Amino acid sequence: MAEPLLDAAVMRDLCDTAGGDFVAELVETFAAEAPGMLAELRAAQAAGAAARFRRAAHSLKTNANTFGALRLAEGARALELGGVPADTAVFNERMAALEADLAATVGRLREAQHG
């Protein structure tokens, strides 16, 4: 069974702890920086750079977990643990899923800021 997109309780706890204004800044920073992490995954895969690949996947996973973005975090975790995929078609499929999860996650995080 696929992970849910977002654990709302994590986001509520983060807002309660850090404050809504600060969390809004974190969300926007994540929204701005996460596409670069995906680009780094693509570049590292193309270069066969295993350490870069793991680092980018780990960074994406950690950032996603901060917000309770469970599906995005799990997709990044699978890449981190699996290493550089040799099969480009499989990798492209996984990246398409990550990109879709990222877009949906950012949308939900922004919605959570407003109510």
PDB file of N, CA and C in Angstrom:
ATOM      1  N   MET A   1       0.842  -1.183   0.000  1.00  0.00           N
ATOM      2  CA  MET A   1       0.000   0.000   0.000  1.00  0.00           C
ATOM      3  C   MET A   1       0.884   1.242   0.000  1.00  0.00           C
ATOM      4  N   ALA A   2       0.533   2.203  -0.800  1.00  0.00           N
ATOM      5  CA  ALA A   2       1.331   3.431  -0.895  1.00  0.00           C
ATOM      6  C   ALA A   2       1.159   4.278   0.356  1.00  0.00           C
ATOM      7  N   GLU A   3       2.219   4.977   0.686  1.00  0.00           N
ATOM      8  CA  GLU A   3       2.176   5.902   1.821  1.00  0.00           C
ATOM      9  C   GLU A   3       1.199   7.030   1.515  1.00  0.00           C
ATOM     10  N   PRO A   4       0.538   7.550   2.562  1.00  0.00           N
ATOM     11  CA  PRO A   4      -0.272   8.759   2.328  1.00  0.00           C
ATOM     12  C   PRO A   4       0.650   9.913   1.951  1.00  0.00           C
ATOM     13  N   LEU A   5       0.083  10.898   1.298  1.00  0.00           N
ATOM     14  CA  LEU A   5       0.874  12.042   0.840  1.00  0.00           C
ATOM     15  C   LEU A   5       1.481  12.810   2.002  1.00  0.00           C
ATOM     16  N   LEU A   6       0.668  13.114   3.013  1.00  0.00           N
ATOM     17  CA  LEU A   6       1.115  14.007   4.083  1.00  0.00           C
ATOM     18  C   LEU A   6       0.533  13.555   5.415  1.00  0.00           C
ATOM     19  N   ASP A   7       1.366  13.561   6.444  1.00  0.00           N
ATOM     20  CA  ASP A   7       0.908  13.317   7.810  1.00  0.00           C
ATOM     21  C   ASP A   7       0.618  14.682   8.423  1.00  0.00           C
ATOM     22  N   ALA A   8      -0.657  15.045   8.478  1.00  0.00           N
ATOM     23  CA  ALA A   8      -1.058  16.374   8.947  1.00  0.00           C
ATOM     24  C   ALA A   8      -0.622  16.630  10.383  1.00  0.00           C
ATOM     25  N   ALA A   9      -0.521  15.583  11.190  1.00  0.00           N
ATOM     26  CA  ALA A   9      -0.118  15.757  12.585  1.00  0.00           C
ATOM     27  C   ALA A   9       1.321  16.274  12.680  1.00  0.00           C
ATOM     28  N   VAL A  10       2.180  15.824  11.802  1.00  0.00           N
ATOM     29  CA  VAL A  10       3.569  16.303  11.807  1.00  0.00           C
ATOM     30  C   VAL A  10       3.599  17.795  11.499  1.00  0.00           C
ATOM     31  N   MET A  11       2.816  18.200  10.514  1.00  0.00           N
ATOM     32  CA  MET A  11       2.771  19.617  10.143  1.00  0.00           C
ATOM     33  C   MET A  11       2.207  20.456  11.296  1.00  0.00           C
ATOM     34  N   ARG A  12       1.153  19.973  11.935  1.00  0.00           N
ATOM     35  CA  ARG A  12       0.586  20.711  13.077  1.00  0.00           C
ATOM     36  C   ARG A  12       1.609  20.854  14.192  1.00  0.00           C
ATOM     37  N   ASP A  13       2.310  19.760  14.485  1.00  0.00           N
ATOM     38  CA  ASP A  13       3.329  19.806  15.540  1.00  0.00           C
ATOM     39  C   ASP A  13       4.443  20.782  15.182  1.00  0.00           C
ATOM     40  N   LEU A  14       4.849  20.781  13.924  1.00  0.00           N
ATOM     41  CA  LEU A  14       5.897  21.694  13.473  1.00  0.00           C
ATOM     42  C   LEU A  14       5.440  23.140  13.634  1.00  0.00           C
ATOM     43  N   CYS A  15       4.203  23.425  13.250  1.00  0.00           N
ATOM     44  CA  CYS A  15       3.666  24.787  13.404  1.00  0.00           C
ATOM     45  C   CYS A  15       3.562  25.176  14.869  1.00  0.00           C
ATOM     46  N   ASP A  16       3.125  24.251  15.707  1.00  0.00           N
ATOM     47  CA  ASP A  16       3.017  24.532  17.141  1.00  0.00           C
ATOM     48  C   ASP A  16       4.386  24.805  17.762  1.00  0.00           C
ATOM     49  N   THR A  17       5.384  24.082  17.306  1.00  0.00           N
ATOM     50  CA  THR A  17       6.730  24.213  17.866  1.00  0.00           C
ATOM     51  C   THR A  17       7.474  25.429  17.320  1.00  0.00           C
ATOM     52  N   ALA A  18       7.438  25.601  16.009  1.00  0.00           N
ATOM     53  CA  ALA A  18       8.262  26.634  15.374  1.00  0.00           C
ATOM     54  C   ALA A  18       7.490  27.913  15.046  1.00  0.00           C
ATOM     55  N   GLY A  19       6.184  27.825  15.025  1.00  0.00           N
ATOM     56  CA  GLY A  19       5.377  28.988  14.663  1.00  0.00           C
ATOM     57  C   GLY A  19       5.026  28.974  13.194  1.00  0.00           C
ATOM     58  N   GLY A  20       3.794  29.375  12.904  1.00  0.00           N
ATOM     59  CA  GLY A  20       3.282  29.326  11.543  1.00  0.00           C
ATOM     60  C   GLY A  20       4.069  30.148  10.547  1.00  0.00           C
ATOM     61  N   ASP A  21       4.516  31.338  10.952  1.00  0.00           N
ATOM     62  CA  ASP A  21       5.256  32.195  10.018  1.00  0.00           C
ATOM     63  C   ASP A  21       6.580  31.559   9.616  1.00  0.00           C
ATOM     64  N   PHE A  22       7.277  30.986  10.596  1.00  0.00           N
ATOM     65  CA  PHE A  22       8.557  30.350  10.301  1.00  0.00           C
ATOM     66  C   PHE A  22       8.355  29.110   9.436  1.00  0.00           C
ATOM     67  N   VAL A  23       7.319  28.338   9.744  1.00  0.00           N
ATOM     68  CA  VAL A  23       7.043  27.139   8.946  1.00  0.00           C
ATOM     69  C   VAL A  23       6.686  27.525   7.518  1.00  0.00           C
ATOM     70  N   ALA A  24       5.956  28.625   7.345  1.00  0.00           N
ATOM     71  CA  ALA A  24       5.644  29.099   5.988  1.00  0.00           C
ATOM     72  C   ALA A  24       6.923  29.395   5.218  1.00  0.00           C
ATOM     73  N   GLU A  25       7.894  29.992   5.885  1.00  0.00           N
ATOM     74  CA  GLU A  25       9.192  30.250   5.243  1.00  0.00           C
ATOM     75  C   GLU A  25       9.885  28.935   4.895  1.00  0.00           C
ATOM     76  N   LEU A  26       9.833  27.969   5.811  1.00  0.00           N
ATOM     77  CA  LEU A  26      10.450  26.665   5.555  1.00  0.00           C
ATOM     78  C   LEU A  26       9.808  25.982   4.356  1.00  0.00           C
ATOM     79  N   VAL A  27       8.487  26.042   4.279  1.00  0.00           N
ATOM     80  CA  VAL A  27       7.778  25.429   3.156  1.00  0.00           C
ATOM     81  C   VAL A  27       8.225  26.062   1.848  1.00  0.00           C
ATOM     82  N   GLU A  28       8.310  27.378   1.806  1.00  0.00           N
ATOM     83  CA  GLU A  28       8.711  28.055   0.564  1.00  0.00           C
ATOM     84  C   GLU A  28      10.172  27.758   0.220  1.00  0.00           C
ATOM     85  N   THR A  29      11.013  27.651   1.221  1.00  0.00           N
ATOM     86  CA  THR A  29      12.411  27.280   0.971  1.00  0.00           C
ATOM     87  C   THR A  29      12.481  25.864   0.401  1.00  0.00           C
ATOM     88  N   PHE A  30      11.710  24.960   0.997  1.00  0.00           N
ATOM     89  CA  PHE A  30      11.650  23.587   0.501  1.00  0.00           C
ATOM     90  C   PHE A  30      11.137  23.563  -0.939  1.00  0.00           C
ATOM     91  N   ALA A  31      10.076  24.315  -1.211  1.00  0.00           N
ATOM     92  CA  ALA A  31       9.504  24.365  -2.556  1.00  0.00           C
ATOM     93  C   ALA A  31      10.520  24.879  -3.574  1.00  0.00           C
ATOM     94  N   ALA A  32      11.369  25.797  -3.149  1.00  0.00           N
ATOM     95  CA  ALA A  32      12.384  26.364  -4.045  1.00  0.00           C
ATOM     96  C   ALA A  32      13.581  25.433  -4.223  1.00  0.00           C
ATOM     97  N   GLU A  33      13.955  24.716  -3.172  1.00  0.00           N
ATOM     98  CA  GLU A  33      15.181  23.914  -3.205  1.00  0.00           C
ATOM     99  C   GLU A  33      14.979  22.470  -3.647  1.00  0.00           C
ATOM    100  N   ALA A  34      13.812  21.901  -3.417  1.00  0.00           N
ATOM    101  CA  ALA A  34      13.597  20.484  -3.737  1.00  0.00           C
ATOM    102  C   ALA A  34      13.769  20.169  -5.226  1.00  0.00           C
ATOM    103  N   PRO A  35      13.325  21.036  -6.151  1.00  0.00           N
ATOM    104  CA  PRO A  35      13.579  20.721  -7.555  1.00  0.00           C
ATOM    105  C   PRO A  35      15.079  20.585  -7.867  1.00  0.00           C
ATOM    106  N   GLY A  36      15.910  21.339  -7.173  1.00  0.00           N
ATOM    107  CA  GLY A  36      17.352  21.200  -7.345  1.00  0.00           C
ATOM    108  C   GLY A  36      17.860  19.855  -6.863  1.00  0.00           C
ATOM    109  N   MET A  37      17.236  19.332  -5.816  1.00  0.00           N
ATOM    110  CA  MET A  37      17.606  18.002  -5.325  1.00  0.00           C
ATOM    111  C   MET A  37      17.241  16.944  -6.358  1.00  0.00           C
ATOM    112  N   LEU A  38      16.080  17.115  -7.000  1.00  0.00           N
ATOM    113  CA  LEU A  38      15.695  16.185  -8.061  1.00  0.00           C
ATOM    114  C   LEU A  38      16.654  16.283  -9.241  1.00  0.00           C
ATOM    115  N   ALA A  39      17.038  17.503  -9.591  1.00  0.00           N
ATOM    116  CA  ALA A  39      18.006  17.697 -10.676  1.00  0.00           C
ATOM    117  C   ALA A  39      19.346  17.055 -10.326  1.00  0.00           C
ATOM    118  N   GLU A  40      19.743  17.160  -9.071  1.00  0.00           N
ATOM    119  CA  GLU A  40      20.998  16.534  -8.627  1.00  0.00           C
ATOM    120  C   GLU A  40      20.900  15.013  -8.722  1.00  0.00           C
ATOM    121  N   LEU A  41      19.747  14.454  -8.381  1.00  0.00           N
ATOM    122  CA  LEU A  41      19.563  13.007  -8.534  1.00  0.00           C
ATOM    123  C   LEU A  41      19.739  12.603  -9.996  1.00  0.00           C
ATOM    124  N   ARG A  42      19.141  13.365 -10.887  1.00  0.00           N
ATOM    125  CA  ARG A  42      19.257  13.057 -12.320  1.00  0.00           C
ATOM    126  C   ARG A  42      20.716  13.158 -12.790  1.00  0.00           C
ATOM    127  N   ALA A  43      21.394  14.228 -12.368  1.00  0.00           N
ATOM    128  CA  ALA A  43      22.793  14.421 -12.784  1.00  0.00           C
ATOM    129  C   ALA A  43      23.692  13.322 -12.214  1.00  0.00           C
ATOM    130  N   ALA A  44      23.475  12.977 -10.971  1.00  0.00           N
ATOM    131  CA  ALA A  44      24.294  11.933 -10.340  1.00  0.00           C
ATOM    132  C   ALA A  44      24.042  10.576 -10.987  1.00  0.00           C
ATOM    133  N   GLN A  45      22.786  10.298 -11.323  1.00  0.00           N
ATOM    134  CA  GLN A  45      22.472   9.036 -11.992  1.00  0.00           C
ATOM    135  C   GLN A  45      23.160   8.987 -13.354  1.00  0.00           C
ATOM    136  N   ALA A  46      23.078  10.080 -14.100  1.00  0.00           N
ATOM    137  CA  ALA A  46      23.693  10.129 -15.432  1.00  0.00           C
ATOM    138  C   ALA A  46      25.204   9.941 -15.362  1.00  0.00           C
ATOM    139  N   ALA A  47      25.808  10.477 -14.300  1.00  0.00           N
ATOM    140  CA  ALA A  47      27.263  10.381 -14.141  1.00  0.00           C
ATOM    141  C   ALA A  47      27.690   9.098 -13.429  1.00  0.00           C
ATOM    142  N   GLY A  48      26.732   8.347 -12.912  1.00  0.00           N
ATOM    143  CA  GLY A  48      27.070   7.149 -12.139  1.00  0.00           C
ATOM    144  C   GLY A  48      27.764   7.494 -10.830  1.00  0.00           C
ATOM    145  N   ALA A  49      27.460   8.662 -10.285  1.00  0.00           N
ATOM    146  CA  ALA A  49      28.105   9.159  -9.058  1.00  0.00           C
ATOM    147  C   ALA A  49      27.296   8.723  -7.839  1.00  0.00           C
ATOM    148  N   ALA A  50      27.644   7.570  -7.299  1.00  0.00           N
ATOM    149  CA  ALA A  50      26.869   6.949  -6.229  1.00  0.00           C
ATOM    150  C   ALA A  50      26.784   7.806  -4.973  1.00  0.00           C
ATOM    151  N   ALA A  51      27.898   8.393  -4.540  1.00  0.00           N
ATOM    152  CA  ALA A  51      27.883   9.198  -3.314  1.00  0.00           C
ATOM    153  C   ALA A  51      27.007  10.434  -3.490  1.00  0.00           C
ATOM    154  N   ARG A  52      27.119  11.114  -4.611  1.00  0.00           N
ATOM    155  CA  ARG A  52      26.268  12.288  -4.899  1.00  0.00           C
ATOM    156  C   ARG A  52      24.803  11.894  -4.939  1.00  0.00           C
ATOM    157  N   PHE A  53      24.539  10.756  -5.538  1.00  0.00           N
ATOM    158  CA  PHE A  53      23.171  10.269  -5.662  1.00  0.00           C
ATOM    159  C   PHE A  53      22.568  10.013  -4.278  1.00  0.00           C
ATOM    160  N   ARG A  54      23.299   9.285  -3.440  1.00  0.00           N
ATOM    161  CA  ARG A  54      22.814   9.002  -2.078  1.00  0.00           C
ATOM    162  C   ARG A  54      22.612  10.278  -1.289  1.00  0.00           C
ATOM    163  N   ARG A  55      23.539  11.216  -1.412  1.00  0.00           N
ATOM    164  CA  ARG A  55      23.439  12.488  -0.676  1.00  0.00           C
ATOM    165  C   ARG A  55      22.187  13.270  -1.088  1.00  0.00           C
ATOM    166  N   ALA A  56      21.940  13.342  -2.376  1.00  0.00           N
ATOM    167  CA  ALA A  56      20.761  14.069  -2.853  1.00  0.00           C
ATOM    168  C   ALA A  56      19.477  13.379  -2.405  1.00  0.00           C
ATOM    169  N   ALA A  57      19.434  12.063  -2.512  1.00  0.00           N
ATOM    170  CA  ALA A  57      18.246  11.322  -2.070  1.00  0.00           C
ATOM    171  C   ALA A  57      18.047  11.488  -0.566  1.00  0.00           C
ATOM    172  N   HIS A  58      19.136  11.432   0.187  1.00  0.00           N
ATOM    173  CA  HIS A  58      19.061  11.597   1.638  1.00  0.00           C
ATOM    174  C   HIS A  58      18.557  12.996   2.008  1.00  0.00           C
ATOM    175  N   SER A  59      19.056  14.011   1.339  1.00  0.00           N
ATOM    176  CA  SER A  59      18.615  15.385   1.617  1.00  0.00           C
ATOM    177  C   SER A  59      17.134  15.551   1.332  1.00  0.00           C
ATOM    178  N   LEU A  60      16.672  15.012   0.215  1.00  0.00           N
ATOM    179  CA  LEU A  60      15.258  15.100  -0.126  1.00  0.00           C
ATOM    180  C   LEU A  60      14.419  14.364   0.914  1.00  0.00           C
ATOM    181  N   LYS A  61      14.858  13.175   1.291  1.00  0.00           N
ATOM    182  CA  LYS A  61      14.137  12.380   2.290  1.00  0.00           C
ATOM    183  C   LYS A  61      14.039  13.121   3.616  1.00  0.00           C
ATOM    184  N   THR A  62      15.141  13.669   4.070  1.00  0.00           N
ATOM    185  CA  THR A  62      15.173  14.367   5.358  1.00  0.00           C
ATOM    186  C   THR A  62      14.272  15.590   5.344  1.00  0.00           C
ATOM    187  N   ASN A  63      14.355  16.370   4.284  1.00  0.00           N
ATOM    188  CA  ASN A  63      13.500  17.553   4.175  1.00  0.00           C
ATOM    189  C   ASN A  63      12.027  17.159   4.119  1.00  0.00           C
ATOM    190  N   ALA A  64      11.694  16.137   3.366  1.00  0.00           N
ATOM    191  CA  ALA A  64      10.308  15.687   3.269  1.00  0.00           C
ATOM    192  C   ALA A  64       9.796  15.217   4.628  1.00  0.00           C
ATOM    193  N   ASN A  65      10.621  14.480   5.357  1.00  0.00           N
ATOM    194  CA  ASN A  65      10.215  13.993   6.680  1.00  0.00           C
ATOM    195  C   ASN A  65       9.944  15.135   7.649  1.00  0.00           C
ATOM    196  N   THR A  66      10.662  16.238   7.515  1.00  0.00           N
ATOM    197  CA  THR A  66      10.452  17.397   8.381  1.00  0.00           C
ATOM    198  C   THR A  66       9.003  17.846   8.345  1.00  0.00           C
ATOM    199  N   PHE A  67       8.375  17.751   7.173  1.00  0.00           N
ATOM    200  CA  PHE A  67       7.007  18.218   6.991  1.00  0.00           C
ATOM    201  C   PHE A  67       5.983  17.092   7.069  1.00  0.00           C
ATOM    202  N   GLY A  68       6.428  15.871   7.283  1.00  0.00           N
ATOM    203  CA  GLY A  68       5.500  14.746   7.287  1.00  0.00           C
ATOM    204  C   GLY A  68       5.067  14.345   5.892  1.00  0.00           C
ATOM    205  N   ALA A  69       5.885  14.654   4.892  1.00  0.00           N
ATOM    206  CA  ALA A  69       5.592  14.299   3.504  1.00  0.00           C
ATOM    207  C   ALA A  69       6.008  12.843   3.284  1.00  0.00           C
ATOM    208  N   LEU A  70       5.135  11.944   3.715  1.00  0.00           N
ATOM    209  CA  LEU A  70       5.480  10.536   3.816  1.00  0.00           C
ATOM    210  C   LEU A  70       5.788   9.880   2.472  1.00  0.00           C
ATOM    211  N   ARG A  71       4.964  10.117   1.477  1.00  0.00           N
ATOM    212  CA  ARG A  71       5.164   9.459   0.176  1.00  0.00           C
ATOM    213  C   ARG A  71       6.447   9.946  -0.486  1.00  0.00           C
ATOM    214  N   LEU A  72       6.681  11.242  -0.437  1.00  0.00           N
ATOM    215  CA  LEU A  72       7.904  11.805  -1.012  1.00  0.00           C
ATOM    216  C   LEU A  72       9.132  11.273  -0.280  1.00  0.00           C
ATOM    217  N   ALA A  73       9.057  11.245   1.041  1.00  0.00           N
ATOM    218  CA  ALA A  73      10.180  10.737   1.842  1.00  0.00           C
ATOM    219  C   ALA A  73      10.458   9.271   1.539  1.00  0.00           C
ATOM    220  N   GLU A  74       9.406   8.482   1.398  1.00  0.00           N
ATOM    221  CA  GLU A  74       9.598   7.058   1.109  1.00  0.00           C
ATOM    222  C   GLU A  74      10.198   6.844  -0.279  1.00  0.00           C
ATOM    223  N   GLY A  75       9.763   7.630  -1.256  1.00  0.00           N
ATOM    224  CA  GLY A  75      10.354   7.516  -2.593  1.00  0.00           C
ATOM    225  C   GLY A  75      11.832   7.874  -2.588  1.00  0.00           C
ATOM    226  N   ALA A  76      12.188   8.926  -1.870  1.00  0.00           N
ATOM    227  CA  ALA A  76      13.594   9.329  -1.771  1.00  0.00           C
ATOM    228  C   ALA A  76      14.392   8.285  -0.992  1.00  0.00           C
ATOM    229  N   ARG A  77      13.786   7.728   0.052  1.00  0.00           N
ATOM    230  CA  ARG A  77      14.455   6.696   0.851  1.00  0.00           C
ATOM    231  C   ARG A  77      14.769   5.469  -0.007  1.00  0.00           C
ATOM    232  N   ALA A  78      13.816   5.068  -0.828  1.00  0.00           N
ATOM    233  CA  ALA A  78      14.037   3.909  -1.696  1.00  0.00           C
ATOM    234  C   ALA A  78      15.208   4.155  -2.641  1.00  0.00           C
ATOM    235  N   LEU A  79      15.318   5.363  -3.178  1.00  0.00           N
ATOM    236  CA  LEU A  79      16.452   5.684  -4.045  1.00  0.00           C
ATOM    237  C   LEU A  79      17.754   5.713  -3.250  1.00  0.00           C
ATOM    238  N   GLU A  80      17.699   6.310  -2.061  1.00  0.00           N
ATOM    239  CA  GLU A  80      18.901   6.390  -1.219  1.00  0.00           C
ATOM    240  C   GLU A  80      19.443   4.993  -0.916  1.00  0.00           C
ATOM    241  N   LEU A  81      18.562   4.096  -0.524  1.00  0.00           N
ATOM    242  CA  LEU A  81      18.994   2.749  -0.147  1.00  0.00           C
ATOM    243  C   LEU A  81      19.325   1.878  -1.347  1.00  0.00           C
ATOM    244  N   GLY A  82      18.648   2.136  -2.467  1.00  0.00           N
ATOM    245  CA  GLY A  82      18.865   1.309  -3.653  1.00  0.00           C
ATOM    246  C   GLY A  82      20.081   1.701  -4.464  1.00  0.00           C
ATOM    247  N   GLY A  83      20.556   2.912  -4.269  1.00  0.00           N
ATOM    248  CA  GLY A  83      21.705   3.370  -5.025  1.00  0.00           C
ATOM    249  C   GLY A  83      21.330   3.786  -6.437  1.00  0.00           C
ATOM    250  N   VAL A  84      22.316   4.072  -7.221  1.00  0.00           N
ATOM    251  CA  VAL A  84      22.119   4.563  -8.582  1.00  0.00           C
ATOM    252  C   VAL A  84      21.491   3.458  -9.431  1.00  0.00           C
ATOM    253  N   PRO A  85      20.267   3.678  -9.906  1.00  0.00           N
ATOM    254  CA  PRO A  85      19.632   2.665 -10.748  1.00  0.00           C
ATOM    255  C   PRO A  85      20.340   2.552 -12.096  1.00  0.00           C
ATOM    256  N   ALA A  86      20.628   1.336 -12.497  1.00  0.00           N
ATOM    257  CA  ALA A  86      21.283   1.111 -13.783  1.00  0.00           C
ATOM    258  C   ALA A  86      20.281   1.204 -14.926  1.00  0.00           C
ATOM    259  N   ASP A  87      19.036   0.850 -14.661  1.00  0.00           N
ATOM    260  CA  ASP A  87      17.990   0.858 -15.678  1.00  0.00           C
ATOM    261  C   ASP A  87      17.398   2.261 -15.773  1.00  0.00           C
ATOM    262  N   THR A  88      17.690   2.947 -16.858  1.00  0.00           N
ATOM    263  CA  THR A  88      17.244   4.330 -17.034  1.00  0.00           C
ATOM    264  C   THR A  88      15.721   4.441 -17.059  1.00  0.00           C
ATOM    265  N   ALA A  89      15.041   3.478 -17.656  1.00  0.00           N
ATOM    266  CA  ALA A  89      13.575   3.528 -17.722  1.00  0.00           C
ATOM    267  C   ALA A  89      12.973   3.449 -16.326  1.00  0.00           C
ATOM    268  N   VAL A  90      13.498   2.564 -15.500  1.00  0.00           N
ATOM    269  CA  VAL A  90      13.020   2.442 -14.111  1.00  0.00           C
ATOM    270  C   VAL A  90      13.318   3.723 -13.352  1.00  0.00           C
ATOM    271  N   PHE A  91      14.505   4.249 -13.540  1.00  0.00           N
ATOM    272  CA  PHE A  91      14.873   5.496 -12.865  1.00  0.00           C
ATOM    273  C   PHE A  91      13.947   6.632 -13.279  1.00  0.00           C
ATOM    274  N   ASN A  92      13.695   6.763 -14.574  1.00  0.00           N
ATOM    275  CA  ASN A  92      12.814   7.828 -15.056  1.00  0.00           C
ATOM    276  C   ASN A  92      11.405   7.681 -14.494  1.00  0.00           C
ATOM    277  N   GLU A  93      10.936   6.457 -14.366  1.00  0.00           N
ATOM    278  CA  GLU A  93       9.621   6.204 -13.772  1.00  0.00           C
ATOM    279  C   GLU A  93       9.603   6.643 -12.307  1.00  0.00           C
ATOM    280  N   ARG A  94      10.645   6.311 -11.574  1.00  0.00           N
ATOM    281  CA  ARG A  94      10.731   6.707 -10.160  1.00  0.00           C
ATOM    282  C   ARG A  94      10.834   8.218 -10.015  1.00  0.00           C
ATOM    283  N   MET A  95      11.581   8.844 -10.906  1.00  0.00           N
ATOM    284  CA  MET A  95      11.719  10.304 -10.843  1.00  0.00           C
ATOM    285  C   MET A  95      10.395  10.987 -11.177  1.00  0.00           C
ATOM    286  N   ALA A  96       9.663  10.451 -12.139  1.00  0.00           N
ATOM    287  CA  ALA A  96       8.356  11.025 -12.473  1.00  0.00           C
ATOM    288  C   ALA A  96       7.422  10.940 -11.266  1.00  0.00           C
ATOM    289  N   ALA A  97       7.469   9.830 -10.546  1.00  0.00           N
ATOM    290  CA  ALA A  97       6.654   9.682  -9.343  1.00  0.00           C
ATOM    291  C   ALA A  97       7.092  10.678  -8.273  1.00  0.00           C
ATOM    292  N   LEU A  98       8.408  10.846  -8.098  1.00  0.00           N
ATOM    293  CA  LEU A  98       8.909  11.821  -7.119  1.00  0.00           C
ATOM    294  C   LEU A  98       8.489  13.235  -7.492  1.00  0.00           C
ATOM    295  N   GLU A  99       8.598  13.582  -8.758  1.00  0.00           N
ATOM    296  CA  GLU A  99       8.210  14.921  -9.204  1.00  0.00           C
ATOM    297  C   GLU A  99       6.724  15.176  -8.958  1.00  0.00           C
ATOM    298  N   ALA A 100       5.889  14.180  -9.245  1.00  0.00           N
ATOM    299  CA  ALA A 100       4.454  14.322  -8.997  1.00  0.00           C
ATOM    300  C   ALA A 100       4.177  14.442  -7.506  1.00  0.00           C
ATOM    301  N   ASP A 101       4.850  13.614  -6.706  1.00  0.00           N
ATOM    302  CA  ASP A 101       4.669  13.680  -5.253  1.00  0.00           C
ATOM    303  C   ASP A 101       5.151  15.016  -4.697  1.00  0.00           C
ATOM    304  N   LEU A 102       6.232  15.536  -5.243  1.00  0.00           N
ATOM    305  CA  LEU A 102       6.732  16.833  -4.787  1.00  0.00           C
ATOM    306  C   LEU A 102       5.716  17.921  -5.076  1.00  0.00           C
ATOM    307  N   ALA A 103       5.195  17.958  -6.281  1.00  0.00           N
ATOM    308  CA  ALA A 103       4.215  18.987  -6.639  1.00  0.00           C
ATOM    309  C   ALA A 103       2.975  18.896  -5.760  1.00  0.00           C
ATOM    310  N   ALA A 104       2.478  17.689  -5.567  1.00  0.00           N
ATOM    311  CA  ALA A 104       1.295  17.500  -4.726  1.00  0.00           C
ATOM    312  C   ALA A 104       1.594  17.863  -3.274  1.00  0.00           C
ATOM    313  N   THR A 105       2.763  17.491  -2.803  1.00  0.00           N
ATOM    314  CA  THR A 105       3.153  17.776  -1.420  1.00  0.00           C
ATOM    315  C   THR A 105       3.254  19.269  -1.176  1.00  0.00           C
ATOM    316  N   VAL A 106       3.913  19.979  -2.069  1.00  0.00           N
ATOM    317  CA  VAL A 106       4.051  21.431  -1.896  1.00  0.00           C
ATOM    318  C   VAL A 106       2.671  22.083  -1.881  1.00  0.00           C
ATOM    319  N   GLY A 107       1.794  21.632  -2.756  1.00  0.00           N
ATOM    320  CA  GLY A 107       0.436  22.167  -2.761  1.00  0.00           C
ATOM    321  C   GLY A 107      -0.275  21.926  -1.437  1.00  0.00           C
ATOM    322  N   ARG A 108      -0.163  20.719  -0.926  1.00  0.00           N
ATOM    323  CA  ARG A 108      -0.814  20.401   0.354  1.00  0.00           C
ATOM    324  C   ARG A 108      -0.178  21.155   1.513  1.00  0.00           C
ATOM    325  N   LEU A 109       1.145  21.310   1.495  1.00  0.00           N
ATOM    326  CA  LEU A 109       1.809  22.070   2.568  1.00  0.00           C
ATOM    327  C   LEU A 109       1.349  23.522   2.559  1.00  0.00           C
ATOM    328  N   ARG A 110       1.227  24.083   1.377  1.00  0.00           N
ATOM    329  CA  ARG A 110       0.748  25.465   1.283  1.00  0.00           C
ATOM    330  C   ARG A 110      -0.700  25.568   1.761  1.00  0.00           C
ATOM    331  N   GLU A 111      -1.521  24.615   1.421  1.00  0.00           N
ATOM    332  CA  GLU A 111      -2.908  24.593   1.905  1.00  0.00           C
ATOM    333  C   GLU A 111      -2.946  24.503   3.426  1.00  0.00           C
ATOM    334  N   ALA A 112      -2.094  23.683   3.997  1.00  0.00           N
ATOM    335  CA  ALA A 112      -2.066  23.501   5.444  1.00  0.00           C
ATOM    336  C   ALA A 112      -1.712  24.789   6.170  1.00  0.00           C
ATOM    337  N   GLN A 113      -0.994  25.661   5.494  1.00  0.00           N
ATOM    338  CA  GLN A 113      -0.636  26.956   6.092  1.00  0.00           C
ATOM    339  C   GLN A 113      -1.861  27.837   6.290  1.00  0.00           C
ATOM    340  N   HIS A 114      -2.861  27.598   5.468  1.00  0.00           N
ATOM    341  CA  HIS A 114      -4.019  28.494   5.441  1.00  0.00           C
ATOM    342  C   HIS A 114      -5.266  27.881   6.062  1.00  0.00           C
ATOM    343  N   GLY A 115      -5.087  26.801   6.765  1.00  0.00           N
ATOM    344  CA  GLY A 115      -6.285  26.326   7.407  1.00  0.00           C
ATOM    345  C   GLY A 115      -6.394  24.866   7.539  1.00  0.00           C
TER     346      GLY A 115
END
